Amino acid sequence: MCHGYEADAGVHLNQRGLIDTHAQASDLLAWILGLPPEEAPEPVYWTVAAVAELPHSRS
C-alpha cells in the first residue's frame, strides 16, 4: 500500500504486505474512488519486473 490507507480503509494486509482477495481489493478500490478529490491519493505508477530462475544448462 503505497499511501498507507489500509488502516483507514479497514484492509488487512498479509505477511507479504499484499491484499489477499479480489473482494478486498475491490472494496479498497471503491473506498478510494469514493474519497473527495482533495483527499484522493496521488497516482502511483507501477513497473512490473519478472524474475525467473532459469534452469542450469547441462553440458
PDB file of N, CA and C in Angstrom:
ATOM      1  N   MET A   1       0.851  -1.172   0.000  1.00  0.00           N
ATOM      2  CA  MET A   1       0.000   0.000   0.000  1.00  0.00           C
ATOM      3  C   MET A   1       0.895   1.233   0.000  1.00  0.00           C
ATOM      4  N   CYS A   2       1.006   1.835  -1.123  1.00  0.00           N
ATOM      5  CA  CYS A   2       1.926   2.957  -1.299  1.00  0.00           C
ATOM      6  C   CYS A   2       1.587   4.168  -0.447  1.00  0.00           C
ATOM      7  N   HIS A   3       0.329   4.382  -0.180  1.00  0.00           N
ATOM      8  CA  HIS A   3      -0.072   5.578   0.555  1.00  0.00           C
ATOM      9  C   HIS A   3      -0.448   5.297   2.002  1.00  0.00           C
ATOM     10  N   GLY A   4      -0.414   4.048   2.426  1.00  0.00           N
ATOM     11  CA  GLY A   4      -0.708   3.716   3.807  1.00  0.00           C
ATOM     12  C   GLY A   4      -2.165   3.854   4.198  1.00  0.00           C
ATOM     13  N   TYR A   5      -3.078   3.619   3.289  1.00  0.00           N
ATOM     14  CA  TYR A   5      -4.501   3.759   3.576  1.00  0.00           C
ATOM     15  C   TYR A   5      -5.138   2.512   4.160  1.00  0.00           C
ATOM     16  N   GLU A   6      -4.378   1.442   4.332  1.00  0.00           N
ATOM     17  CA  GLU A   6      -5.011   0.188   4.743  1.00  0.00           C
ATOM     18  C   GLU A   6      -5.770   0.316   6.059  1.00  0.00           C
ATOM     19  N   ALA A   7      -5.246   1.054   7.028  1.00  0.00           N
ATOM     20  CA  ALA A   7      -5.946   1.213   8.311  1.00  0.00           C
ATOM     21  C   ALA A   7      -7.229   2.022   8.134  1.00  0.00           C
ATOM     22  N   ASP A   8      -7.157   3.121   7.383  1.00  0.00           N
ATOM     23  CA  ASP A   8      -8.344   3.957   7.151  1.00  0.00           C
ATOM     24  C   ASP A   8      -9.417   3.201   6.385  1.00  0.00           C
ATOM     25  N   ALA A   9      -8.996   2.351   5.461  1.00  0.00           N
ATOM     26  CA  ALA A   9      -9.941   1.620   4.621  1.00  0.00           C
ATOM     27  C   ALA A   9     -10.395   0.314   5.263  1.00  0.00           C
ATOM     28  N   GLY A  10      -9.780  -0.073   6.374  1.00  0.00           N
ATOM     29  CA  GLY A  10     -10.147  -1.313   7.040  1.00  0.00           C
ATOM     30  C   GLY A  10      -9.621  -2.551   6.334  1.00  0.00           C
ATOM     31  N   VAL A  11      -8.518  -2.409   5.616  1.00  0.00           N
ATOM     32  CA  VAL A  11      -7.928  -3.531   4.881  1.00  0.00           C
ATOM     33  C   VAL A  11      -6.787  -4.103   5.705  1.00  0.00           C
ATOM     34  N   HIS A  12      -6.728  -5.417   5.771  1.00  0.00           N
ATOM     35  CA  HIS A  12      -5.635  -6.083   6.464  1.00  0.00           C
ATOM     36  C   HIS A  12      -4.733  -6.737   5.427  1.00  0.00           C
ATOM     37  N   LEU A  13      -3.464  -6.403   5.466  1.00  0.00           N
ATOM     38  CA  LEU A  13      -2.508  -6.961   4.520  1.00  0.00           C
ATOM     39  C   LEU A  13      -1.937  -8.261   5.053  1.00  0.00           C
ATOM     40  N   ASN A  14      -1.534  -9.149   4.149  1.00  0.00           N
ATOM     41  CA  ASN A  14      -0.941 -10.408   4.576  1.00  0.00           C
ATOM     42  C   ASN A  14       0.528 -10.198   4.960  1.00  0.00           C
ATOM     43  N   GLN A  15       1.228 -11.267   5.281  1.00  0.00           N
ATOM     44  CA  GLN A  15       2.613 -11.146   5.745  1.00  0.00           C
ATOM     45  C   GLN A  15       3.551 -10.602   4.678  1.00  0.00           C
ATOM     46  N   ARG A  16       3.135 -10.653   3.424  1.00  0.00           N
ATOM     47  CA  ARG A  16       3.953 -10.092   2.342  1.00  0.00           C
ATOM     48  C   ARG A  16       3.567  -8.656   2.012  1.00  0.00           C
ATOM     49  N   GLY A  17       2.627  -8.101   2.767  1.00  0.00           N
ATOM     50  CA  GLY A  17       2.190  -6.733   2.534  1.00  0.00           C
ATOM     51  C   GLY A  17       1.231  -6.606   1.368  1.00  0.00           C
ATOM     52  N   LEU A  18       0.559  -7.703   1.029  1.00  0.00           N
ATOM     53  CA  LEU A  18      -0.357  -7.715  -0.102  1.00  0.00           C
ATOM     54  C   LEU A  18      -1.792  -7.923   0.356  1.00  0.00           C
ATOM     55  N   ILE A  19      -2.728  -7.574  -0.497  1.00  0.00           N
ATOM     56  CA  ILE A  19      -4.141  -7.818  -0.253  1.00  0.00           C
ATOM     57  C   ILE A  19      -4.418  -9.257  -0.676  1.00  0.00           C
ATOM     58  N   ASP A  20      -5.119 -10.018   0.160  1.00  0.00           N
ATOM     59  CA  ASP A  20      -5.313 -11.447  -0.082  1.00  0.00           C
ATOM     60  C   ASP A  20      -6.349 -11.804  -1.145  1.00  0.00           C
ATOM     61  N   THR A  21      -7.422 -11.041  -1.236  1.00  0.00           N
ATOM     62  CA  THR A  21      -8.506 -11.472  -2.115  1.00  0.00           C
ATOM     63  C   THR A  21      -8.935 -10.366  -3.073  1.00  0.00           C
ATOM     64  N   HIS A  22      -9.581 -10.798  -4.151  1.00  0.00           N
ATOM     65  CA  HIS A  22     -10.125  -9.841  -5.109  1.00  0.00           C
ATOM     66  C   HIS A  22     -11.213  -8.992  -4.446  1.00  0.00           C
ATOM     67  N   ALA A  23     -11.996  -9.601  -3.578  1.00  0.00           N
ATOM     68  CA  ALA A  23     -13.062  -8.864  -2.881  1.00  0.00           C
ATOM     69  C   ALA A  23     -12.470  -7.736  -2.040  1.00  0.00           C
ATOM     70  N   GLN A  24     -11.371  -8.008  -1.321  1.00  0.00           N
ATOM     71  CA  GLN A  24     -10.730  -6.965  -0.522  1.00  0.00           C
ATOM     72  C   GLN A  24     -10.187  -5.860  -1.422  1.00  0.00           C
ATOM     73  N   ALA A  25      -9.585  -6.236  -2.545  1.00  0.00           N
ATOM     74  CA  ALA A  25      -9.050  -5.238  -3.476  1.00  0.00           C
ATOM     75  C   ALA A  25     -10.177  -4.388  -4.056  1.00  0.00           C
ATOM     76  N   SER A  26     -11.298  -5.015  -4.388  1.00  0.00           N
ATOM     77  CA  SER A  26     -12.448  -4.282  -4.917  1.00  0.00           C
ATOM     78  C   SER A  26     -13.017  -3.317  -3.889  1.00  0.00           C
ATOM     79  N   ASP A  27     -13.108  -3.768  -2.631  1.00  0.00           N
ATOM     80  CA  ASP A  27     -13.594  -2.890  -1.563  1.00  0.00           C
ATOM     81  C   ASP A  27     -12.671  -1.690  -1.379  1.00  0.00           C
ATOM     82  N   LEU A  28     -11.369  -1.934  -1.429  1.00  0.00           N
ATOM     83  CA  LEU A  28     -10.405  -0.843  -1.284  1.00  0.00           C
ATOM     84  C   LEU A  28     -10.522   0.142  -2.441  1.00  0.00           C
ATOM     85  N   LEU A  29     -10.654  -0.373  -3.655  1.00  0.00           N
ATOM     86  CA  LEU A  29     -10.820   0.500  -4.817  1.00  0.00           C
ATOM     87  C   LEU A  29     -12.070   1.358  -4.679  1.00  0.00           C
ATOM     88  N   ALA A  30     -13.179   0.748  -4.274  1.00  0.00           N
ATOM     89  CA  ALA A  30     -14.427   1.502  -4.091  1.00  0.00           C
ATOM     90  C   ALA A  30     -14.250   2.579  -3.032  1.00  0.00           C
ATOM     91  N   TRP A  31     -13.522   2.263  -1.952  1.00  0.00           N
ATOM     92  CA  TRP A  31     -13.288   3.247  -0.889  1.00  0.00           C
ATOM     93  C   TRP A  31     -12.458   4.411  -1.422  1.00  0.00           C
ATOM     94  N   ILE A  32     -11.377   4.107  -2.142  1.00  0.00           N
ATOM     95  CA  ILE A  32     -10.513   5.163  -2.682  1.00  0.00           C
ATOM     96  C   ILE A  32     -11.280   6.035  -3.680  1.00  0.00           C
ATOM     97  N   LEU A  33     -12.053   5.387  -4.569  1.00  0.00           N
ATOM     98  CA  LEU A  33     -12.810   6.157  -5.564  1.00  0.00           C
ATOM     99  C   LEU A  33     -13.901   7.010  -4.930  1.00  0.00           C
ATOM    100  N   GLY A  34     -14.322   6.650  -3.719  1.00  0.00           N
ATOM    101  CA  GLY A  34     -15.346   7.418  -3.020  1.00  0.00           C
ATOM    102  C   GLY A  34     -14.813   8.608  -2.233  1.00  0.00           C
ATOM    103  N   LEU A  35     -13.490   8.735  -2.168  1.00  0.00           N
ATOM    104  CA  LEU A  35     -12.911   9.870  -1.452  1.00  0.00           C
ATOM    105  C   LEU A  35     -13.150  11.163  -2.212  1.00  0.00           C
ATOM    106  N   PRO A  36     -13.317  12.282  -1.502  1.00  0.00           N
ATOM    107  CA  PRO A  36     -13.408  13.568  -2.192  1.00  0.00           C
ATOM    108  C   PRO A  36     -12.090  13.827  -2.933  1.00  0.00           C
ATOM    109  N   PRO A  37     -12.144  14.554  -4.046  1.00  0.00           N
ATOM    110  CA  PRO A  37     -10.937  14.779  -4.846  1.00  0.00           C
ATOM    111  C   PRO A  37      -9.752  15.326  -4.049  1.00  0.00           C
ATOM    112  N   GLU A  38     -10.007  16.164  -3.080  1.00  0.00           N
ATOM    113  CA  GLU A  38      -8.906  16.748  -2.295  1.00  0.00           C
ATOM    114  C   GLU A  38      -8.255  15.732  -1.344  1.00  0.00           C
ATOM    115  N   GLU A  39      -8.911  14.609  -1.115  1.00  0.00           N
ATOM    116  CA  GLU A  39      -8.353  13.568  -0.254  1.00  0.00           C
ATOM    117  C   GLU A  39      -7.860  12.356  -1.043  1.00  0.00           C
ATOM    118  N   ALA A  40      -8.065  12.362  -2.342  1.00  0.00           N
ATOM    119  CA  ALA A  40      -7.671  11.222  -3.170  1.00  0.00           C
ATOM    120  C   ALA A  40      -6.148  11.096  -3.204  1.00  0.00           C
ATOM    121  N   PRO A  41      -5.649   9.866  -3.242  1.00  0.00           N
ATOM    122  CA  PRO A  41      -4.206   9.666  -3.295  1.00  0.00           C
ATOM    123  C   PRO A  41      -3.618  10.125  -4.624  1.00  0.00           C
ATOM    124  N   GLU A  42      -2.368  10.509  -4.573  1.00  0.00           N
ATOM    125  CA  GLU A  42      -1.648  10.845  -5.796  1.00  0.00           C
ATOM    126  C   GLU A  42      -1.463   9.569  -6.609  1.00  0.00           C
ATOM    127  N   PRO A  43      -1.417   9.688  -7.930  1.00  0.00           N
ATOM    128  CA  PRO A  43      -1.198   8.496  -8.753  1.00  0.00           C
ATOM    129  C   PRO A  43       0.152   7.839  -8.435  1.00  0.00           C
ATOM    130  N   VAL A  44       0.159   6.532  -8.522  1.00  0.00           N
ATOM    131  CA  VAL A  44       1.391   5.762  -8.342  1.00  0.00           C
ATOM    132  C   VAL A  44       1.581   4.959  -9.621  1.00  0.00           C
ATOM    133  N   TYR A  45       2.708   5.148 -10.244  1.00  0.00           N
ATOM    134  CA  TYR A  45       2.986   4.439 -11.483  1.00  0.00           C
ATOM    135  C   TYR A  45       3.809   3.204 -11.173  1.00  0.00           C
ATOM    136  N   TRP A  46       3.375   2.067 -11.677  1.00  0.00           N
ATOM    137  CA  TRP A  46       3.991   0.783 -11.365  1.00  0.00           C
ATOM    138  C   TRP A  46       4.822   0.293 -12.536  1.00  0.00           C
ATOM    139  N   THR A  47       5.902  -0.315 -12.207  1.00  0.00           N
ATOM    140  CA  THR A  47       6.708  -1.024 -13.184  1.00  0.00           C
ATOM    141  C   THR A  47       6.750  -2.472 -12.727  1.00  0.00           C
ATOM    142  N   VAL A  48       6.399  -3.351 -13.602  1.00  0.00           N
ATOM    143  CA  VAL A  48       6.384  -4.765 -13.254  1.00  0.00           C
ATOM    144  C   VAL A  48       7.666  -5.395 -13.786  1.00  0.00           C
ATOM    145  N   ALA A  49       8.361  -6.054 -12.902  1.00  0.00           N
ATOM    146  CA  ALA A  49       9.576  -6.765 -13.289  1.00  0.00           C
ATOM    147  C   ALA A  49       9.394  -8.238 -12.957  1.00  0.00           C
ATOM    148  N   ALA A  50       9.608  -9.067 -13.915  1.00  0.00           N
ATOM    149  CA  ALA A  50       9.502 -10.504 -13.684  1.00  0.00           C
ATOM    150  C   ALA A  50      10.895 -11.056 -13.428  1.00  0.00           C
ATOM    151  N   VAL A  51      10.985 -11.868 -12.415  1.00  0.00           N
ATOM    152  CA  VAL A  51      12.246 -12.505 -12.087  1.00  0.00           C
ATOM    153  C   VAL A  51      12.027 -14.002 -12.187  1.00  0.00           C
ATOM    154  N   ALA A  52      12.843 -14.644 -12.973  1.00  0.00           N
ATOM    155  CA  ALA A  52      12.712 -16.091 -13.135  1.00  0.00           C
ATOM    156  C   ALA A  52      14.068 -16.736 -12.934  1.00  0.00           C
ATOM    157  N   GLU A  53      14.035 -17.879 -12.322  1.00  0.00           N
ATOM    158  CA  GLU A  53      15.251 -18.645 -12.183  1.00  0.00           C
ATOM    159  C   GLU A  53      15.284 -19.648 -13.320  1.00  0.00           C
ATOM    160  N   LEU A  54      16.264 -19.509 -14.184  1.00  0.00           N
ATOM    161  CA  LEU A  54      16.376 -20.398 -15.333  1.00  0.00           C
ATOM    162  C   LEU A  54      17.158 -21.644 -14.929  1.00  0.00           C
ATOM    163  N   PRO A  55      16.759 -22.767 -15.470  1.00  0.00           N
ATOM    164  CA  PRO A  55      17.496 -23.994 -15.148  1.00  0.00           C
ATOM    165  C   PRO A  55      18.915 -23.917 -15.722  1.00  0.00           C
ATOM    166  N   HIS A  56      19.842 -24.528 -15.014  1.00  0.00           N
ATOM    167  CA  HIS A  56      21.228 -24.565 -15.488  1.00  0.00           C
ATOM    168  C   HIS A  56      21.313 -25.460 -16.710  1.00  0.00           C
ATOM    169  N   SER A  57      22.078 -25.026 -17.686  1.00  0.00           N
ATOM    170  CA  SER A  57      22.233 -25.868 -18.871  1.00  0.00           C
ATOM    171  C   SER A  57      23.092 -27.076 -18.528  1.00  0.00           C
ATOM    172  N   ARG A  58      22.773 -28.154 -19.162  1.00  0.00           N
ATOM    173  CA  ARG A  58      23.527 -29.391 -18.921  1.00  0.00           C
ATOM    174  C   ARG A  58      24.554 -29.538 -20.022  1.00  0.00           C
ATOM    175  N   SER A  59      25.798 -29.725 -19.647  1.00  0.00           N
ATOM    176  CA  SER A  59      26.861 -29.862 -20.640  1.00  0.00           C
ATOM    177  C   SER A  59      27.214 -31.308 -20.861  1.00  0.00           C
TER     178      SER A  59
END
